[in-house]
Amino acid sequence: MRVVKEAEERRNEILDAADELFGQKGFDGTSTNDILEKVGIARGTLYYHFKSKEDIMDALIERYNVRILGAAQEIAVDKSIPVIERVIRAVMALNISGGSSKEIMDHIHKPQNALMHQKIQKVIINGLPPILTGIIREGIEQGMFSTPFPYECMEMVVIYANTVFDDDMVTMTNEERGSRMLAFVCNVERLLGAESGSLMETMQMFGRGDGSSDE
């Protein structure tokens, strides 16, 4: 008996299978036949939902984006969290330097997922600054920060953090990472016109800013 599934359920099955196969064999090493066999569907069913393997990749990226940026956005709008702590938690949620999406980022950082990694980096660089900018504007209103360029400051912060603290881009010892983190936090304070040590103190609450790691 033929099993007919709802379109959204079938679409997610295809994405789940592709995600697993891309992780095992890489994007280039996975064929549409591999995906068809894993899901157990006809080629026409696959093309009903996705035009190509690249289309599947883009849908996977979008699914990751919703989860990753959604975590940062949830923190950003939580007014019960102090402004400075919210900035740090929002960055950490994307696992730029650790956070709740670690399992996602570990998967993306596999060598065979380089294309996925590159595309998600682009989304983070474009999607995170607006989220952080809202928090910075609150800080400006409360007198914690003083900058005429809140968005541009956050763009600089995200690009630097997303590059230098990405192990695929820059290889560092724990000592080097600790030194860069200290310099990073110090310069972010200057960028934002924050009181010296204010960000550093909050970073240390999370075991950062003193060379400690997540391990």
Protein backbone atom coordinates (compact mmCIF):
# COMPACT_ATOMS: atom_id res chain seq x y z
CA MET A 1 0.00 0.00 0.00
CA ARG A 2 1.38 3.38 -1.02
CA VAL A 3 2.11 5.74 1.85
CA VAL A 4 0.98 9.31 1.18
CA LYS A 5 2.43 11.89 3.53
CA GLU A 6 1.68 15.54 4.09
CA ALA A 7 3.90 17.81 2.00
CA GLU A 8 5.63 19.43 5.01
CA GLU A 9 6.36 16.06 6.62
CA ARG A 10 7.80 14.68 3.39
CA ARG A 11 9.85 17.83 2.84
CA ASN A 12 11.36 17.52 6.31
CA GLU A 13 12.14 13.85 5.71
CA ILE A 14 14.09 14.81 2.61
CA LEU A 15 15.95 17.55 4.49
CA ASP A 16 16.77 15.21 7.39
CA ALA A 17 18.12 12.58 5.00
CA ALA A 18 20.16 15.12 3.02
CA ASP A 19 21.54 16.63 6.22
CA GLU A 20 22.74 13.23 7.40
CA LEU A 21 24.21 12.33 4.01
CA PHE A 22 25.96 15.69 3.60
CA GLY A 23 27.49 15.14 7.03
CA GLN A 24 28.73 11.67 6.05
CA LYS A 25 29.75 12.17 2.43
CA GLY A 26 29.86 15.93 1.92
CA PHE A 27 27.70 17.95 -0.44
CA ASP A 28 29.64 17.07 -3.59
CA GLY A 29 29.90 13.42 -2.57
CA THR A 30 26.13 13.04 -2.12
CA SER A 31 24.01 12.35 -5.18
CA THR A 32 20.28 12.85 -5.56
CA ASN A 33 20.06 9.06 -5.92
CA ASP A 34 21.57 8.73 -2.44
CA ILE A 35 18.84 10.96 -1.07
CA LEU A 36 16.11 9.11 -2.98
CA GLU A 37 17.28 5.77 -1.64
CA LYS A 38 17.55 6.98 1.93
CA VAL A 39 14.06 8.50 1.97
CA GLY A 40 12.55 5.78 -0.23
CA ILE A 41 10.81 8.07 -2.70
CA ALA A 42 10.60 8.51 -6.47
CA ARG A 43 12.59 11.21 -8.26
CA GLY A 44 9.41 13.06 -9.14
CA THR A 45 8.51 13.36 -5.46
CA LEU A 46 11.92 14.85 -4.70
CA TYR A 47 11.63 17.40 -7.50
CA TYR A 48 8.12 18.28 -6.40
CA HIS A 49 9.64 19.65 -3.20
CA PHE A 50 13.09 20.76 -4.41
CA LYS A 51 14.35 21.83 -7.82
CA SER A 52 17.89 20.57 -7.26
CA LYS A 53 20.45 19.38 -4.73
CA GLU A 54 21.51 23.03 -4.34
CA ASP A 55 17.90 23.88 -3.49
CA ILE A 56 18.00 21.25 -0.75
CA MET A 57 21.22 22.77 0.60
CA ASP A 58 19.64 26.24 0.66
CA ALA A 59 16.61 24.88 2.53
CA LEU A 60 18.91 23.23 5.08
CA ILE A 61 20.77 26.50 5.53
CA GLU A 62 17.48 28.28 6.12
CA ARG A 63 16.45 25.69 8.70
CA TYR A 64 19.73 26.16 10.56
CA ASN A 65 19.41 29.92 10.30
CA VAL A 66 15.98 29.89 11.94
CA ARG A 67 17.33 27.85 14.84
CA ILE A 68 20.57 29.78 15.29
CA LEU A 69 19.35 33.36 14.83
CA GLY A 70 16.11 32.50 16.62
CA ALA A 71 18.07 31.68 19.77
CA ALA A 72 19.86 35.04 19.63
CA GLN A 73 16.61 36.92 18.96
CA GLU A 74 14.87 35.25 21.89
CA ILE A 75 17.62 36.47 24.22
CA ALA A 76 17.69 39.94 22.66
CA VAL A 77 14.03 40.66 23.45
CA ASP A 78 14.17 39.34 27.02
CA LYS A 79 14.08 42.58 29.01
CA SER A 80 14.54 40.68 32.26
CA ILE A 81 18.20 40.15 31.31
CA PRO A 82 20.52 43.15 31.85
CA VAL A 83 21.67 44.86 28.64
CA ILE A 84 25.36 43.90 28.79
CA GLU A 85 24.56 40.31 29.70
CA ARG A 86 22.06 40.17 26.83
CA VAL A 87 24.70 41.24 24.31
CA ILE A 88 27.06 38.50 25.46
CA ARG A 89 24.37 35.83 25.67
CA ALA A 90 23.10 36.68 22.17
CA VAL A 91 26.60 36.28 20.73
CA MET A 92 27.17 33.07 22.66
CA ALA A 93 23.88 31.64 21.38
CA LEU A 94 25.38 31.54 17.90
CA ASN A 95 28.39 29.66 19.20
CA ILE A 96 30.77 32.28 17.86
CA SER A 97 32.61 31.63 21.10
CA GLY A 98 30.46 28.85 22.52
CA GLY A 99 26.76 28.55 23.27
CA SER A 100 23.55 26.61 23.08
CA SER A 101 23.80 25.79 19.36
CA LYS A 102 27.10 23.91 19.74
CA GLU A 103 25.78 20.67 18.24
CA ILE A 104 24.67 22.55 15.12
CA MET A 105 27.99 24.32 14.72
CA ASP A 106 29.98 21.13 15.32
CA HIS A 107 28.09 19.57 12.44
CA ILE A 108 28.60 22.57 10.18
CA HIS A 109 32.33 22.70 10.96
CA LYS A 110 32.97 19.23 9.53
CA PRO A 111 35.33 19.52 6.53
CA GLN A 112 32.76 17.93 4.22
CA ASN A 113 30.30 20.70 5.10
CA ALA A 114 32.52 23.61 4.08
CA LEU A 115 29.90 25.03 1.70
CA MET A 116 27.22 24.95 4.38
CA HIS A 117 29.65 26.58 6.82
CA GLN A 118 30.41 29.38 4.37
CA LYS A 119 26.75 30.10 3.70
CA ILE A 120 25.83 30.13 7.38
CA GLN A 121 28.73 32.47 8.14
CA LYS A 122 27.25 34.87 5.60
CA VAL A 123 23.86 34.71 7.30
CA ILE A 124 25.39 35.30 10.75
CA ILE A 125 27.36 38.30 9.49
CA ASN A 126 24.20 39.79 7.97
CA GLY A 127 21.64 38.57 10.51
CA LEU A 128 23.24 39.07 13.91
CA PRO A 129 24.20 42.80 13.81
CA PRO A 130 20.56 43.99 13.57
CA ILE A 131 19.65 41.81 16.56
CA LEU A 132 22.54 43.16 18.62
CA THR A 133 21.93 46.73 17.49
CA GLY A 134 18.55 46.75 19.22
CA ILE A 135 20.22 45.83 22.52
CA ILE A 136 22.95 48.45 22.03
CA ARG A 137 20.33 51.16 21.44
CA GLU A 138 18.73 50.22 24.75
CA GLY A 139 22.16 50.56 26.36
CA ILE A 140 22.60 54.00 24.80
CA GLU A 141 19.21 55.10 26.19
CA GLN A 142 20.23 53.84 29.64
CA GLY A 143 23.57 55.67 29.47
CA MET A 144 25.70 52.49 29.38
CA PHE A 145 27.00 53.03 25.85
CA SER A 146 27.87 56.09 23.80
CA THR A 147 28.25 55.63 20.06
CA PRO A 148 26.65 57.26 17.00
CA PHE A 149 27.20 54.00 15.06
CA PRO A 150 25.49 51.13 16.95
CA TYR A 151 24.90 49.00 13.85
CA GLU A 152 28.36 49.53 12.40
CA CYS A 153 29.96 48.69 15.76
CA MET A 154 28.03 45.42 15.97
CA GLU A 155 28.90 44.60 12.36
CA MET A 156 32.61 44.99 13.17
CA VAL A 157 32.22 42.88 16.32
CA VAL A 158 30.38 40.06 14.52
CA ILE A 159 32.76 39.93 11.55
CA TYR A 160 35.81 39.82 13.79
CA ALA A 161 34.36 37.27 16.20
CA ASN A 162 32.95 35.11 13.43
CA THR A 163 36.36 34.99 11.75
CA VAL A 164 39.03 35.01 14.45
CA PHE A 165 37.17 32.79 16.92
CA ASP A 166 36.25 30.28 14.22
CA ASP A 167 38.68 27.36 14.55
CA ASP A 168 38.38 26.66 10.82
CA MET A 169 39.67 30.13 9.99
CA VAL A 170 42.31 30.81 12.66
CA THR A 171 44.20 28.15 14.61
CA MET A 172 45.16 29.26 18.11
CA THR A 173 46.48 27.83 21.34
CA ASN A 174 44.39 28.37 24.49
CA GLU A 175 46.84 31.07 25.53
CA GLU A 176 46.51 32.88 22.20
CA ARG A 177 42.71 32.59 22.33
CA GLY A 178 42.70 34.04 25.84
CA SER A 179 44.86 36.97 24.78
CA ARG A 180 42.67 37.71 21.76
CA MET A 181 39.54 37.50 23.90
CA LEU A 182 40.94 40.06 26.33
CA ALA A 183 41.87 42.39 23.47
CA PHE A 184 38.48 41.81 21.81
CA VAL A 185 36.46 42.70 24.91
CA CYS A 186 38.67 45.71 25.67
CA ASN A 187 38.19 47.08 22.15
CA VAL A 188 34.45 46.40 22.13
CA GLU A 189 34.18 48.53 25.28
CA ARG A 190 35.99 51.33 23.47
CA LEU A 191 33.86 50.96 20.35
CA LEU A 192 30.67 51.24 22.38
CA GLY A 193 31.94 53.97 24.68
CA ALA A 194 31.24 51.66 27.62
CA GLU A 195 32.76 52.04 31.06
CA SER A 196 36.16 50.35 31.16
CA GLY A 197 35.85 46.83 32.54
CA SER A 198 32.04 46.65 32.29
CA LEU A 199 31.98 44.05 29.53
CA MET A 200 34.98 42.22 30.94
CA GLU A 201 33.26 41.76 34.29
CA THR A 202 30.19 40.24 32.65
CA MET A 203 32.30 38.04 30.37
CA GLN A 204 34.02 36.58 33.41
CA MET A 205 30.63 35.52 34.76
CA PHE A 206 30.52 33.11 31.82
CA GLY A 207 34.09 31.92 32.29
CA ARG A 208 35.42 34.20 29.54
CA GLY A 209 37.73 37.15 29.31
CA ASP A 210 40.44 35.42 31.33
CA GLY A 211 41.63 32.81 28.88
CA SER A 212 39.35 30.06 30.12
CA SER A 213 37.64 27.85 27.58
CA ASP A 214 34.42 25.91 27.16
CA GLU A 215 36.16 22.58 27.33
